[in-house]
Amino acid sequence: MGLNIKNPETDGLIRELAALKGVSLTTAVTLAVRGEVEREKAIRMSSGEAKRKSRLELLREYSETCAPLFPEGRSGNQLIDDLYDEQTGLPK
């Protein structure tokens, strides 16, 4: 299995990356391509092209978004209870 790079710019970039990282040319290409593949997958995940998020992932995101809305660590039920009179059940 071989790859022949005939583009001078690409060859120079691979050599520069290999020198900066202190790795072989093959490893530099592998790292660069792996990074691009991971970025592309992340973009596709965020745009909904990849598998749907699990319920657990969605609930975690929801809780992280909502947590700052609950002052002093009070629960949603405690906040709702504060809206109504305990004896009459009517709004305060």
Protein backbone atom coordinates (compact mmCIF):
# COMPACT_ATOMS: atom_id res chain seq x y z
CA MET A 1 0.00 0.00 0.00
CA GLY A 2 1.56 3.28 -1.01
CA LEU A 3 0.85 6.94 -1.39
CA ASN A 4 2.80 9.17 -3.72
CA ILE A 5 2.54 12.89 -2.95
CA LYS A 6 3.33 14.93 -6.05
CA ASN A 7 2.15 18.31 -4.80
CA PRO A 8 5.08 20.41 -3.49
CA GLU A 9 2.89 22.38 -1.06
CA THR A 10 1.44 19.19 0.44
CA ASP A 11 4.89 17.63 0.68
CA GLY A 12 6.20 20.73 2.45
CA LEU A 13 3.28 20.80 4.90
CA ILE A 14 3.77 17.13 5.76
CA ARG A 15 7.47 17.67 6.34
CA GLU A 16 6.78 20.76 8.46
CA LEU A 17 4.22 18.92 10.60
CA ALA A 18 6.56 15.94 11.02
CA ALA A 19 9.39 18.25 12.11
CA LEU A 20 7.18 20.20 14.53
CA LYS A 21 5.88 17.02 16.14
CA GLY A 22 9.15 15.09 15.92
CA VAL A 23 7.52 12.16 14.10
CA SER A 24 7.91 10.35 10.79
CA LEU A 25 6.28 11.56 7.59
CA THR A 26 3.84 8.63 7.72
CA THR A 27 2.86 9.43 11.30
CA ALA A 28 2.42 13.10 10.43
CA VAL A 29 0.03 12.20 7.61
CA THR A 30 -1.85 9.77 9.86
CA LEU A 31 -2.26 12.39 12.60
CA ALA A 32 -3.40 15.07 10.18
CA VAL A 33 -5.92 12.84 8.43
CA ARG A 34 -7.21 11.42 11.73
CA GLY A 35 -7.76 14.95 13.02
CA GLU A 36 -9.68 15.93 9.89
CA VAL A 37 -11.85 12.81 10.07
CA GLU A 38 -12.69 13.52 13.72
CA ARG A 39 -13.56 17.16 12.95
CA GLU A 40 -15.78 16.12 10.05
CA LYS A 41 -17.59 13.57 12.21
CA ALA A 42 -18.15 16.21 14.90
CA ILE A 43 -19.62 18.59 12.32
CA ARG A 44 -21.93 15.90 11.01
CA MET A 45 -23.01 14.96 14.55
CA SER A 46 -23.88 18.56 15.36
CA SER A 47 -25.88 18.94 12.16
CA GLY A 48 -27.89 15.79 12.82
CA GLU A 49 -26.38 13.73 10.01
CA ALA A 50 -25.00 11.11 12.36
CA LYS A 51 -26.90 8.97 14.84
CA ARG A 52 -29.45 10.66 17.01
CA LYS A 53 -28.42 11.52 20.54
CA SER A 54 -29.52 9.12 23.24
CA ARG A 55 -32.11 10.18 25.76
CA LEU A 56 -29.44 10.23 28.43
CA GLU A 57 -27.30 12.64 26.38
CA LEU A 58 -30.31 14.88 25.77
CA LEU A 59 -31.29 14.87 29.46
CA ARG A 60 -27.73 15.72 30.49
CA GLU A 61 -27.67 18.66 28.10
CA TYR A 62 -31.08 19.80 29.31
CA SER A 63 -30.09 19.60 32.97
CA GLU A 64 -26.85 21.52 32.34
CA THR A 65 -28.87 24.23 30.59
CA CYS A 66 -31.55 24.43 33.29
CA ALA A 67 -29.42 24.07 36.43
CA PRO A 68 -28.37 27.75 36.54
CA LEU A 69 -32.03 28.77 36.46
CA PHE A 70 -32.68 27.24 39.89
CA PRO A 71 -31.37 29.69 42.51
CA GLU A 72 -29.73 28.40 45.67
CA GLY A 73 -30.03 24.79 44.52
CA ARG A 74 -33.80 24.69 45.06
CA SER A 75 -35.83 22.17 43.12
CA GLY A 76 -38.51 22.99 40.59
CA ASN A 77 -41.19 21.77 43.00
CA GLN A 78 -39.94 24.11 45.73
CA LEU A 79 -40.05 27.05 43.36
CA ILE A 80 -43.59 26.18 42.25
CA ASP A 81 -44.73 25.79 45.88
CA ASP A 82 -43.56 29.36 46.54
CA LEU A 83 -46.00 30.62 43.91
CA TYR A 84 -49.10 29.38 45.74
CA ASP A 85 -50.60 30.02 49.16
CA GLU A 86 -50.28 26.86 51.23
CA GLN A 87 -53.73 27.16 52.85
CA THR A 88 -55.88 28.26 49.93
CA GLY A 89 -53.93 26.84 47.02
CA LEU A 90 -54.40 30.15 45.22
CA PRO A 91 -51.57 32.11 43.62
CA LYS A 92 -49.84 34.48 46.04
